[in-house]
């Protein structure tokens, strides 16, 4: 279940991030803000799922530790109870308690046996020292030669060698550096791409006479008359007249009927200003109104 949540959360976050970039490219700020908020919500949700999983594992470990501690305490109490219930037999041997069974032979026999074993061990040691060859000592010296201190010439070679963990640490450092460089390059490319797509720059003037637009206004709800639709179109049009790099001082909007409106802008707009004007018109914030740019193009002086 957690993997499914991660899958859907990651897909939602990726989609929201992509649409943030798309709406920024289209100059649709309201939609970009909504997708950004959705991206933050999904990220917070994923962070909450991760933290909840960590807390759950910590609680399980604490419960297991408490259970093991209770079991250990129970075993200690059981052992202590058994020790307390064990009868005291005294500090003497049982065979010494009964006078009828005293033989007074055990201690002398034990002492004599110890003396005999000591003499036998001394004899074996003397025989071994006279007959054994230092083969085992040579083998042991050969095994311990690697642990001997290096000579003066070998110290220089050891100084040139890297420590055992240096290769692994160097490889990890290289991988971290490569990942950092790749991430920085991707982030830089994203920033430069957004700057290229959204930054206003000087463009070549459009040599045409004017730019014409065909708009469609859709209204939701009952009782939406043609007057309400025309008023919504005029409000959106007036709000977007300053969305381009050059204010639209000579811009008119007329109704064609059935929710269609035609707008004419003089002088003609550049490609970047067309994109900005389309984004502003379609990124409407009016209640129960949605405006769609059906078509946009240039008109020459010879066009009717």
Protein backbone atom coordinates (compact mmCIF):
# COMPACT_ATOMS: atom_id res chain seq x y z
CA UNK A 1 0.00 0.00 0.00
CA UNK A 2 2.85 2.35 0.81
CA UNK A 3 4.48 1.66 -2.57
CA UNK A 4 1.22 2.45 -4.33
CA UNK A 5 1.04 5.74 -2.42
CA UNK A 6 4.61 6.52 -3.42
CA UNK A 7 3.81 5.67 -7.06
CA UNK A 8 0.71 7.86 -7.27
CA UNK A 9 2.36 10.66 -5.28
CA UNK A 10 5.43 10.64 -7.50
CA UNK A 11 3.28 10.63 -10.64
CA UNK A 12 1.18 13.53 -9.32
CA UNK A 13 4.29 15.50 -8.35
CA UNK A 14 5.89 14.90 -11.76
CA UNK A 15 2.70 15.94 -13.56
CA UNK A 16 2.30 19.08 -11.44
CA UNK A 17 5.94 20.04 -12.02
CA UNK A 18 5.62 19.54 -15.77
CA UNK A 19 2.47 21.65 -15.94
CA UNK A 20 4.09 24.40 -13.87
CA UNK A 21 6.74 24.68 -16.58
CA UNK A 22 4.13 24.45 -19.35
CA UNK A 23 1.93 27.18 -17.87
CA UNK A 24 4.93 29.40 -17.24
CA UNK A 25 5.84 28.97 -20.88
CA UNK A 26 2.29 29.89 -21.89
CA UNK A 27 2.22 32.92 -19.57
CA UNK A 28 -0.75 31.51 -17.67
CA UNK A 29 0.13 32.61 -14.17
CA UNK A 30 -3.03 31.53 -12.32
CA UNK A 31 -2.75 27.96 -13.56
CA UNK A 32 0.98 27.91 -12.82
CA UNK A 33 0.28 29.02 -9.25
CA UNK A 34 -2.38 26.32 -8.81
CA UNK A 35 -0.04 23.62 -10.13
CA UNK A 36 2.72 24.93 -7.85
CA UNK A 37 0.42 24.70 -4.84
CA UNK A 38 -0.58 21.18 -5.89
CA UNK A 39 3.10 20.26 -6.19
CA UNK A 40 3.76 21.53 -2.66
CA UNK A 41 0.76 19.60 -1.32
CA UNK A 42 1.94 16.37 -2.94
CA UNK A 43 5.47 16.87 -1.61
CA UNK A 44 4.16 17.47 1.90
CA UNK A 45 1.99 14.34 1.56
CA UNK A 46 4.97 12.23 0.48
CA UNK A 47 7.03 13.64 3.33
CA UNK A 48 4.22 12.80 5.75
CA UNK A 49 4.05 9.22 4.43
CA UNK A 50 7.82 8.81 4.86
CA UNK A 51 7.74 10.25 8.39
CA UNK A 52 4.74 8.10 9.29
CA UNK A 53 6.58 4.99 8.11
CA UNK A 54 9.65 5.92 10.14
CA UNK A 55 7.57 6.56 13.26
CA UNK A 56 5.77 3.26 12.79
CA UNK A 57 9.07 1.38 12.59
CA UNK A 58 10.35 3.21 15.69
CA UNK A 59 7.19 2.26 17.60
CA UNK A 60 7.56 -1.38 16.54
CA UNK A 61 11.18 -1.43 17.70
CA UNK A 62 10.19 0.11 21.04
CA UNK A 63 7.45 -2.48 21.49
CA UNK A 64 9.87 -5.29 20.65
CA UNK A 65 12.43 -3.88 23.10
CA UNK A 66 9.79 -3.64 25.83
CA UNK A 67 8.63 -7.17 25.12
CA UNK A 68 12.18 -8.54 25.27
CA UNK A 69 12.82 -6.59 28.48
CA UNK A 70 9.67 -8.03 30.06
CA UNK A 71 10.63 -11.55 28.97
CA UNK A 72 14.16 -11.08 30.38
CA UNK A 73 12.75 -9.77 33.66
CA UNK A 74 10.38 -12.74 33.84
CA UNK A 75 13.24 -15.18 33.26
CA UNK A 76 15.32 -13.46 35.94
CA UNK A 77 12.44 -13.69 38.40
CA UNK A 78 11.99 -17.37 37.55
CA UNK A 79 15.70 -18.13 38.08
CA UNK A 80 15.74 -16.12 41.31
CA UNK A 81 12.69 -18.00 42.59
CA UNK A 82 14.31 -21.34 41.78
CA UNK A 83 17.50 -20.32 43.55
CA UNK A 84 15.57 -19.26 46.61
CA UNK A 85 13.61 -22.51 46.67
CA UNK A 86 16.75 -24.72 46.38
CA UNK A 87 17.49 -26.51 49.73
CA UNK A 88 20.74 -25.66 51.46
CA UNK A 89 23.02 -28.71 51.53
CA UNK A 90 25.84 -27.05 53.41
CA UNK A 91 29.42 -26.34 52.37
CA UNK A 92 30.81 -29.83 53.02
CA UNK A 93 30.81 -32.86 50.74
CA UNK A 94 28.05 -35.37 51.25
CA UNK A 95 30.46 -38.28 51.60
CA UNK A 96 31.95 -36.54 54.67
CA UNK A 97 28.60 -36.07 56.41
CA UNK A 98 27.93 -39.73 57.16
CA UNK A 99 30.44 -41.08 59.73
CA UNK A 100 29.79 -44.63 58.59
CA UNK A 101 31.11 -43.89 55.11
CA UNK A 102 34.30 -42.08 56.11
CA UNK A 103 37.29 -43.78 54.62
CA UNK A 104 39.93 -41.05 54.99
CA UNK A 105 41.49 -42.30 51.75
CA UNK A 106 40.30 -39.81 49.14
CA UNK A 107 42.69 -36.94 50.00
CA UNK A 108 45.91 -38.98 50.12
CA UNK A 109 45.07 -40.74 46.88
CA UNK A 110 44.39 -37.38 45.23
CA UNK A 111 47.74 -35.99 46.43
CA UNK A 112 49.71 -39.03 45.24
CA UNK A 113 47.99 -38.92 41.86
CA UNK A 114 48.94 -35.26 41.48
CA UNK A 115 52.59 -35.98 42.27
CA UNK A 116 52.69 -38.82 39.74
CA UNK A 117 51.09 -36.73 37.00
CA UNK A 118 53.54 -33.88 37.67
CA UNK A 119 56.50 -36.25 37.40
CA UNK A 120 55.15 -37.75 34.19
CA UNK A 121 54.70 -34.28 32.67
CA UNK A 122 58.28 -33.33 33.65
CA UNK A 123 59.62 -36.46 32.00
CA UNK A 124 57.68 -35.83 28.76
CA UNK A 125 58.95 -32.25 28.66
CA UNK A 126 62.56 -33.31 29.05
CA UNK A 127 62.28 -35.94 26.33
CA UNK A 128 60.60 -33.49 23.96
CA UNK A 129 63.26 -30.82 24.52
CA UNK A 130 66.00 -33.29 23.64
CA UNK A 131 64.42 -34.83 20.54
CA UNK A 132 62.23 -32.13 18.95
CA UNK A 133 63.48 -29.99 16.02
CA UNK A 134 62.64 -26.26 15.60
CA UNK A 135 60.40 -26.92 12.58
CA UNK A 136 57.28 -25.59 14.29
CA UNK A 137 59.14 -22.49 15.39
CA UNK A 138 60.30 -21.84 11.85
CA UNK A 139 56.78 -22.21 10.51
CA UNK A 140 55.49 -19.88 13.18
CA UNK A 141 58.24 -17.35 12.40
CA UNK A 142 57.31 -17.53 8.71
CA UNK A 143 53.68 -16.80 9.50
CA UNK A 144 54.58 -13.91 11.79
CA UNK A 145 57.02 -12.35 9.31
CA UNK A 146 54.23 -10.26 7.78
CA UNK A 147 53.69 -8.64 11.17
CA UNK A 148 57.33 -7.63 11.60
CA UNK A 149 58.34 -3.97 11.43
CA UNK A 150 59.51 -2.89 7.94
CA UNK A 151 63.08 -1.91 7.28
CA UNK A 152 64.28 1.58 6.38
CA UNK A 153 63.97 0.92 2.64
CA UNK A 154 60.48 -0.45 2.96
CA UNK A 155 59.22 2.62 4.86
CA UNK A 156 59.38 4.69 1.69
CA UNK A 157 57.32 2.16 -0.22
CA UNK A 158 54.71 2.10 2.56
CA UNK A 159 54.47 5.87 2.57
CA UNK A 160 53.67 5.84 -1.14
CA UNK A 161 50.84 3.35 -0.63
CA UNK A 162 47.35 4.66 0.11
CA UNK A 163 45.45 3.46 3.18
CA UNK A 164 43.04 0.50 2.74
CA UNK A 165 39.88 2.63 2.67
CA UNK A 166 41.28 5.35 0.42
CA UNK A 167 40.18 3.70 -2.85
CA UNK A 168 36.62 3.25 -1.65
CA UNK A 169 36.46 6.78 -0.26
CA UNK A 170 37.92 8.16 -3.49
CA UNK A 171 35.36 6.29 -5.58
CA UNK A 172 32.51 7.54 -3.41
CA UNK A 173 33.84 11.09 -3.69
CA UNK A 174 34.04 10.80 -7.47
CA UNK A 175 30.46 9.51 -7.70
CA UNK A 176 29.22 12.29 -5.44
CA UNK A 177 31.06 14.90 -7.49
CA UNK A 178 29.64 13.52 -10.76
CA UNK A 179 26.10 13.45 -9.35
CA UNK A 180 26.52 17.02 -8.08
CA UNK A 181 27.77 18.23 -11.46
CA UNK A 182 24.95 16.50 -13.34
CA UNK A 183 22.34 17.93 -10.96
CA UNK A 184 23.82 21.42 -11.23
CA UNK A 185 23.88 21.13 -15.04
CA UNK A 186 20.23 20.02 -15.16
CA UNK A 187 19.17 22.79 -12.79
CA UNK A 188 21.10 25.36 -14.80
CA UNK A 189 19.55 24.11 -18.04
CA UNK A 190 16.08 24.35 -16.47
CA UNK A 191 16.69 27.91 -15.27
CA UNK A 192 18.14 28.99 -18.62
CA UNK A 193 15.28 27.33 -20.50
CA UNK A 194 12.65 29.06 -18.39
CA UNK A 195 14.47 32.36 -18.82
CA UNK A 196 14.54 31.88 -22.58
CA UNK A 197 10.84 31.02 -22.66
CA UNK A 198 9.50 33.70 -20.31
CA UNK A 199 11.89 36.64 -20.45
CA UNK A 200 10.86 39.62 -22.56
CA UNK A 201 13.49 40.58 -25.14
CA UNK A 202 13.61 42.97 -28.03
CA UNK A 203 12.18 41.41 -31.15
CA UNK A 204 11.94 42.48 -34.73
CA UNK A 205 8.89 44.56 -35.40
CA UNK A 206 6.00 42.92 -37.22
CA UNK A 207 5.65 44.54 -40.63
CA UNK A 208 1.95 43.66 -40.92
CA UNK A 209 -0.78 46.18 -40.32
CA UNK A 210 -2.62 44.51 -37.45
CA UNK A 211 -3.18 41.27 -35.55
CA UNK A 212 -6.64 39.72 -35.45
CA UNK A 213 -7.98 37.28 -32.86
CA UNK A 214 -11.04 35.04 -32.78
CA UNK A 215 -12.31 34.35 -29.26
CA UNK A 216 -15.01 32.12 -27.83
CA UNK A 217 -16.57 32.77 -24.42
CA UNK A 218 -18.18 29.87 -22.53
CA UNK A 219 -20.39 30.57 -19.51
CA UNK A 220 -21.51 28.12 -16.82
CA UNK A 221 -24.83 28.26 -15.05
CA UNK A 222 -28.38 29.10 -15.95
CA UNK A 223 -29.53 32.53 -17.05
CA UNK A 224 -26.30 33.44 -18.86
CA UNK A 225 -27.53 35.83 -21.53
CA UNK A 226 -25.65 37.29 -24.45
CA UNK A 227 -25.18 40.51 -22.49
CA UNK A 228 -23.46 38.65 -19.65
CA UNK A 229 -21.23 36.85 -22.14
CA UNK A 230 -20.32 40.11 -23.88
CA UNK A 231 -19.57 41.77 -20.53
CA UNK A 232 -17.26 38.89 -19.51
CA UNK A 233 -15.43 39.10 -22.85
CA UNK A 234 -14.94 42.86 -22.44
CA UNK A 235 -13.63 42.46 -18.89
CA UNK A 236 -11.07 39.85 -19.89
CA UNK A 237 -10.06 41.86 -22.95
CA UNK A 238 -9.52 45.05 -20.99
CA UNK A 239 -7.55 43.24 -18.32
CA UNK A 240 -5.16 41.74 -20.88
CA UNK A 241 -4.50 44.90 -22.87
CA UNK A 242 -1.34 45.58 -20.85
CA UNK A 243 -0.09 41.97 -20.89
CA UNK A 244 2.17 42.53 -23.89
CA UNK A 245 5.48 44.35 -23.99
CA UNK A 246 3.76 47.27 -25.76
CA UNK A 247 0.42 48.44 -24.28
CA UNK A 248 -2.50 47.83 -26.64
CA UNK A 249 -3.78 51.36 -27.12
CA UNK A 250 -5.50 50.61 -30.42
CA UNK A 251 -7.39 47.37 -29.71
CA UNK A 252 -11.05 46.76 -30.41
CA UNK A 253 -13.31 43.80 -29.65
CA UNK A 254 -16.58 43.07 -31.39
CA UNK A 255 -19.24 40.37 -31.06
CA UNK A 256 -19.90 37.91 -33.87
CA UNK A 257 -22.79 36.13 -32.16
CA UNK A 258 -23.15 32.70 -30.54
CA UNK A 259 -20.37 33.41 -28.08
CA UNK A 260 -17.75 34.37 -30.68
CA UNK A 261 -15.84 37.65 -30.58
CA UNK A 262 -13.30 39.20 -32.93
CA UNK A 263 -10.48 41.44 -31.74
CA UNK A 264 -8.11 43.60 -33.75
CA UNK A 265 -4.82 44.94 -32.41
CA UNK A 266 -2.77 47.66 -34.04
CA UNK A 267 0.16 47.58 -34.64
CA UNK A 268 0.70 43.88 -35.28
CA UNK A 269 2.07 41.82 -32.43
CA UNK A 270 5.33 39.93 -32.40
CA UNK A 271 5.43 36.18 -31.74
CA UNK A 272 6.34 36.65 -28.09
CA UNK A 273 3.55 39.19 -27.53
CA UNK A 274 1.08 36.81 -29.19
CA UNK A 275 2.02 34.13 -26.71
CA UNK A 276 1.68 36.52 -23.78
CA UNK A 277 -1.71 37.81 -24.95
CA UNK A 278 -3.05 34.28 -25.58
CA UNK A 279 -1.87 33.16 -22.14
CA UNK A 280 -3.51 36.12 -20.43
CA UNK A 281 -6.81 35.66 -22.26
CA UNK A 282 -7.08 31.94 -21.57
CA UNK A 283 -5.89 32.27 -17.96
CA UNK A 284 -9.13 33.94 -16.94
CA UNK A 285 -10.14 34.51 -13.31
CA UNK A 286 -13.75 35.49 -13.90
CA UNK A 287 -16.43 33.50 -12.09
CA UNK A 288 -18.28 30.99 -14.31
CA UNK A 289 -16.55 32.25 -17.47
CA UNK A 290 -13.91 30.69 -19.68
CA UNK A 291 -12.37 32.33 -22.74
CA UNK A 292 -10.66 30.36 -25.51
CA UNK A 293 -8.53 31.80 -28.33
CA UNK A 294 -9.82 30.01 -31.42
CA UNK A 295 -7.39 31.63 -33.84
CA UNK A 296 -4.84 34.41 -34.13
CA UNK A 297 -3.12 35.83 -37.19
CA UNK A 298 -1.78 38.92 -38.91
CA UNK A 299 -3.76 41.18 -41.22
CA UNK A 300 -2.25 43.30 -43.98
CA UNK A 301 -3.50 46.66 -45.11
CA UNK A 302 -4.91 45.04 -48.25
CA UNK A 303 -7.04 42.56 -46.28
CA UNK A 304 -10.73 43.31 -46.03
